[in-house]
Amino acid sequence: MHCTRFSACACAFLALSLAAAPAQGQNDSRSIAGGGISVPGWMGKIDAREAASGRALDDSKLELDGGVLRVTTGPAVTYWNAANTASGDYTVKATFHEPEYMNVNDHPHPYGIVIAGNDLGTDRQSYLYCAAYGNGTFIVRGFGPDAFQVNGRRGEANAAVNKAAGRLQPVTQGIAVSVRGDKVECAINGTVVGSYDKSTLVTDGRLKSTDGVYGIRFAHNTDATVTGLTVTR
């Protein structure tokens, strides 16, 4: 960088900006060595935009370690077992543990519960998910088959969502998604953080039904474990 006395202030500002900026490509989806799915019966699909950029399902990893599901992404991905279905009134819950918050990101990325999966793995798939971030926010979104927002593009903050003490620190979230009558609710760490009318979700361009397959979803470049994935009716 060459600065004259007339541009000294501008140069100083530029230098500070470059020093503060994250490294270029830091938030691009990585490729996980030895990736793929090694858990019997489980399947997955990465987001269309990830596939369009050249990523593949094997660039993320789902494995079973002593009864604990381990997810390491790679591209953003949804995982499911077609035998895991729920209908009528039900609650799907699991505990998500991120050992090192933001270990390969310059901002938080979410993970959470998927319900109402229909035609999964196809271009016609539909499902809903509630996911937590380690900074105290959560997001509810779906695909039908195009993506749709339920609580905004960036989600919303709620005191019930746990915050990591800092980067590379652990954080745990208990997430549950329930269908009860005409409502769909997301609870995080025992508190209902969002309640939505079923009629606004099961409609053209959104969900085909709240009945369907349940599973888990992870944003790109995220490492976490999942325990206690169960459904109660």
Protein backbone atom coordinates (compact mmCIF):
# COMPACT_ATOMS: atom_id res chain seq x y z
CA MET A 1 0.00 0.00 0.00
CA HIS A 2 1.45 3.40 -0.99
CA CYS A 3 0.15 6.48 0.84
CA THR A 4 0.77 10.12 0.21
CA ARG A 5 0.26 12.79 2.84
CA PHE A 6 -3.08 13.58 1.21
CA SER A 7 -4.37 10.03 1.61
CA ALA A 8 -2.83 9.09 4.95
CA CYS A 9 -6.17 9.00 6.77
CA ALA A 10 -7.78 6.91 4.05
CA CYS A 11 -4.87 4.46 4.09
CA ALA A 12 -5.01 4.13 7.85
CA PHE A 13 -8.74 3.43 7.70
CA LEU A 14 -8.21 0.81 4.99
CA ALA A 15 -5.48 -0.92 6.96
CA LEU A 16 -7.69 -1.15 10.02
CA SER A 17 -10.55 -2.50 7.95
CA LEU A 18 -8.37 -5.19 6.39
CA ALA A 19 -7.04 -6.22 9.78
CA ALA A 20 -10.55 -6.55 11.19
CA ALA A 21 -12.01 -8.47 8.26
CA PRO A 22 -12.22 -12.28 8.39
CA ALA A 23 -10.01 -14.21 6.05
CA GLN A 24 -11.48 -14.56 2.59
CA GLY A 25 -13.31 -17.85 2.15
CA GLN A 26 -13.52 -18.54 5.90
CA ASN A 27 -17.27 -18.99 5.65
CA ASP A 28 -17.26 -21.09 2.48
CA SER A 29 -18.50 -24.65 3.00
CA ARG A 30 -15.56 -26.94 3.69
CA SER A 31 -15.24 -30.57 2.62
CA ILE A 32 -14.96 -33.12 5.44
CA ALA A 33 -12.36 -35.85 4.96
CA GLY A 34 -13.96 -39.28 5.20
CA GLY A 35 -17.40 -37.72 4.93
CA GLY A 36 -20.69 -39.43 4.18
CA ILE A 37 -23.28 -41.30 6.23
CA SER A 38 -22.18 -44.33 8.24
CA VAL A 39 -25.30 -44.71 10.41
CA PRO A 40 -27.51 -47.59 9.19
CA GLY A 41 -30.89 -46.49 7.84
CA TRP A 42 -30.06 -42.80 7.69
CA MET A 43 -30.11 -40.61 4.60
CA GLY A 44 -29.43 -36.98 3.85
CA LYS A 45 -29.69 -34.14 1.38
CA ILE A 46 -27.63 -30.97 1.16
CA ASP A 47 -29.23 -27.66 0.28
CA ALA A 48 -29.77 -26.90 -3.39
CA ARG A 49 -27.49 -23.87 -3.28
CA GLU A 50 -24.71 -26.04 -1.85
CA ALA A 51 -25.16 -28.60 -4.63
CA ALA A 52 -25.17 -25.81 -7.22
CA SER A 53 -21.77 -24.65 -5.92
CA GLY A 54 -20.30 -28.12 -6.44
CA ARG A 55 -20.69 -29.58 -2.96
CA ALA A 56 -21.94 -33.14 -2.38
CA LEU A 57 -23.54 -35.06 0.48
CA ASP A 58 -20.21 -36.79 1.17
CA ASP A 59 -18.67 -33.39 1.95
CA SER A 60 -20.47 -33.59 5.34
CA LYS A 61 -20.38 -36.46 7.82
CA LEU A 62 -22.94 -38.29 9.97
CA GLU A 63 -21.62 -41.04 12.22
CA LEU A 64 -22.59 -42.94 15.35
CA ASP A 65 -20.14 -42.89 18.24
CA GLY A 66 -21.20 -44.91 21.27
CA GLY A 67 -24.88 -44.21 20.72
CA VAL A 68 -24.26 -40.52 20.03
CA LEU A 69 -24.93 -39.04 16.60
CA ARG A 70 -22.00 -36.92 15.46
CA VAL A 71 -22.50 -34.37 12.71
CA THR A 72 -19.67 -32.54 11.01
CA THR A 73 -20.53 -30.23 8.12
CA GLY A 74 -19.43 -29.27 5.27
CA PRO A 75 -22.42 -28.07 3.33
CA ALA A 76 -25.74 -27.40 5.08
CA VAL A 77 -27.57 -30.70 5.32
CA THR A 78 -30.72 -32.40 6.56
CA TYR A 79 -30.48 -35.97 7.87
CA TRP A 80 -33.29 -38.44 8.50
CA ASN A 81 -34.22 -42.11 8.87
CA ALA A 82 -37.36 -42.96 6.90
CA ALA A 83 -38.48 -45.24 9.74
CA ASN A 84 -38.77 -42.21 12.05
CA THR A 85 -42.26 -40.87 11.43
CA ALA A 86 -44.82 -38.95 13.47
CA SER A 87 -48.46 -38.08 12.87
CA GLY A 88 -51.35 -36.41 14.61
CA ASP A 89 -50.29 -34.76 17.87
CA TYR A 90 -46.67 -35.42 18.82
CA THR A 91 -43.39 -33.97 20.13
CA VAL A 92 -39.96 -34.63 18.63
CA LYS A 93 -37.03 -33.72 20.87
CA ALA A 94 -33.25 -34.05 21.09
CA THR A 95 -30.25 -32.51 22.81
CA PHE A 96 -27.61 -30.78 20.70
CA HIS A 97 -24.11 -30.18 22.04
CA GLU A 98 -21.58 -27.96 20.27
CA PRO A 99 -18.19 -28.66 21.90
CA GLU A 100 -16.44 -25.66 20.32
CA TYR A 101 -18.76 -22.84 19.39
CA MET A 102 -17.88 -21.16 16.07
CA ASN A 103 -14.80 -23.36 15.64
CA VAL A 104 -14.73 -22.89 11.85
CA ASN A 105 -17.03 -19.89 11.42
CA ASP A 106 -16.84 -16.14 11.81
CA HIS A 107 -20.50 -16.05 12.96
CA PRO A 108 -22.94 -18.48 14.66
CA HIS A 109 -24.57 -21.27 12.68
CA PRO A 110 -27.69 -23.20 13.80
CA TYR A 111 -28.74 -26.83 14.22
CA GLY A 112 -32.03 -28.36 15.26
CA ILE A 113 -35.08 -30.58 14.82
CA VAL A 114 -36.84 -31.37 11.55
CA ILE A 115 -40.49 -32.45 11.41
CA ALA A 116 -43.20 -32.95 8.77
CA GLY A 117 -40.82 -34.41 6.20
CA ASN A 118 -42.49 -35.45 2.96
CA ASP A 119 -40.83 -36.45 -0.33
CA LEU A 120 -37.47 -36.02 1.38
CA GLY A 121 -34.47 -36.25 -0.88
CA THR A 122 -36.43 -35.11 -3.93
CA ASP A 123 -37.03 -31.77 -5.59
CA ARG A 124 -40.56 -31.85 -4.12
CA GLN A 125 -39.50 -32.23 -0.51
CA SER A 126 -41.20 -30.32 2.29
CA TYR A 127 -40.33 -30.04 5.96
CA LEU A 128 -40.15 -27.63 8.89
CA TYR A 129 -37.28 -27.09 11.30
CA CYS A 130 -36.54 -25.21 14.51
CA ALA A 131 -32.86 -24.59 15.13
CA ALA A 132 -30.81 -22.84 17.81
CA TYR A 133 -27.68 -20.72 17.61
CA GLY A 134 -25.06 -20.58 20.32
CA ASN A 135 -25.57 -16.83 20.68
CA GLY A 136 -29.06 -16.99 22.22
CA THR A 137 -31.18 -16.87 19.07
CA PHE A 138 -33.34 -19.42 17.24
CA ILE A 139 -34.83 -19.75 13.78
CA VAL A 140 -37.87 -21.53 12.36
CA ARG A 141 -37.87 -22.20 8.63
CA GLY A 142 -39.08 -24.72 6.12
CA PHE A 143 -38.90 -26.01 2.58
CA GLY A 144 -41.92 -26.58 0.45
CA PRO A 145 -39.94 -27.25 -1.81
CA ASP A 146 -38.59 -23.67 -1.92
CA ALA A 147 -37.32 -22.23 1.35
CA PHE A 148 -39.74 -20.18 3.44
CA GLN A 149 -39.27 -18.16 6.62
CA VAL A 150 -41.45 -18.43 9.71
CA ASN A 151 -39.78 -16.11 12.23
CA GLY A 152 -37.71 -13.92 9.97
CA ARG A 153 -34.54 -14.11 7.94
CA ARG A 154 -32.26 -13.99 10.97
CA GLY A 155 -34.61 -15.54 13.53
CA GLU A 156 -35.04 -13.96 16.93
CA ALA A 157 -33.46 -13.82 20.37
CA ASN A 158 -34.93 -15.55 23.39
CA ALA A 159 -33.55 -15.82 26.91
CA ALA A 160 -34.28 -19.56 26.94
CA VAL A 161 -31.66 -20.22 24.26
CA ASN A 162 -28.28 -20.90 25.81
CA LYS A 163 -25.29 -18.72 24.93
CA ALA A 164 -21.74 -20.00 24.68
CA ALA A 165 -19.35 -18.26 27.04
CA GLY A 166 -17.21 -17.35 24.04
CA ARG A 167 -15.73 -18.65 20.83
CA LEU A 168 -14.51 -22.28 21.12
CA GLN A 169 -16.50 -22.72 24.34
CA PRO A 170 -19.15 -25.47 24.66
CA VAL A 171 -22.89 -24.85 24.44
CA THR A 172 -25.85 -27.23 24.72
CA GLN A 173 -29.46 -26.82 23.57
CA GLY A 174 -32.46 -29.04 24.27
CA ILE A 175 -34.84 -28.58 21.34
CA ALA A 176 -38.39 -29.91 20.95
CA VAL A 177 -40.96 -29.33 18.21
CA SER A 178 -44.58 -30.18 18.97
CA VAL A 179 -47.77 -30.47 16.97
CA ARG A 180 -50.83 -30.01 19.17
CA GLY A 181 -54.24 -29.41 17.64
CA ASP A 182 -54.01 -26.36 15.39
CA LYS A 183 -50.60 -25.23 16.72
CA VAL A 184 -46.98 -26.05 16.00
CA GLU A 185 -44.61 -25.04 18.77
CA CYS A 186 -40.85 -24.95 19.26
CA ALA A 187 -39.45 -25.25 22.78
CA ILE A 188 -35.80 -24.72 23.63
CA ASN A 189 -34.39 -25.77 26.99
CA GLY A 190 -37.90 -26.33 28.32
CA THR A 191 -39.43 -23.00 27.25
CA VAL A 192 -41.77 -22.49 24.30
CA VAL A 193 -40.03 -19.88 22.17
CA GLY A 194 -42.38 -19.92 19.17
CA SER A 195 -45.99 -20.93 18.52
CA TYR A 196 -47.49 -20.93 15.03
CA ASP A 197 -50.90 -21.64 13.51
CA LYS A 198 -50.83 -24.89 11.59
CA SER A 199 -52.96 -23.30 8.88
CA THR A 200 -50.14 -20.86 8.05
CA LEU A 201 -47.68 -23.73 7.66
CA VAL A 202 -49.72 -26.38 5.86
CA THR A 203 -50.58 -24.41 2.75
CA ASP A 204 -49.57 -24.00 -0.89
CA GLY A 205 -45.83 -23.55 -1.25
CA ARG A 206 -45.15 -24.68 2.31
CA LEU A 207 -45.83 -27.97 4.10
CA LYS A 208 -47.87 -30.77 2.61
CA SER A 209 -48.79 -31.93 6.12
CA THR A 210 -47.45 -31.89 9.67
CA ASP A 211 -47.44 -35.70 9.45
CA GLY A 212 -44.22 -37.15 8.11
CA VAL A 213 -40.60 -38.03 8.77
CA TYR A 214 -38.60 -36.33 11.51
CA GLY A 215 -34.87 -35.79 11.65
CA ILE A 216 -32.13 -33.21 12.23
CA ARG A 217 -30.68 -30.26 10.34
CA PHE A 218 -27.30 -28.55 10.49
CA ALA A 219 -26.05 -25.38 8.84
CA HIS A 220 -22.74 -25.48 7.01
CA ASN A 221 -19.38 -25.62 8.79
CA THR A 222 -20.79 -26.87 12.09
CA ASP A 223 -19.63 -29.59 14.52
CA ALA A 224 -22.03 -30.98 17.13
CA THR A 225 -23.50 -34.12 18.66
CA VAL A 226 -27.11 -35.22 18.99
CA THR A 227 -28.52 -37.38 21.76
CA GLY A 228 -32.00 -38.45 22.79
CA LEU A 229 -33.72 -38.02 19.41
CA THR A 230 -37.18 -39.35 20.25
CA VAL A 231 -40.86 -38.83 19.53
CA THR A 232 -43.66 -38.88 22.11
CA ARG A 233 -47.36 -38.82 21.40
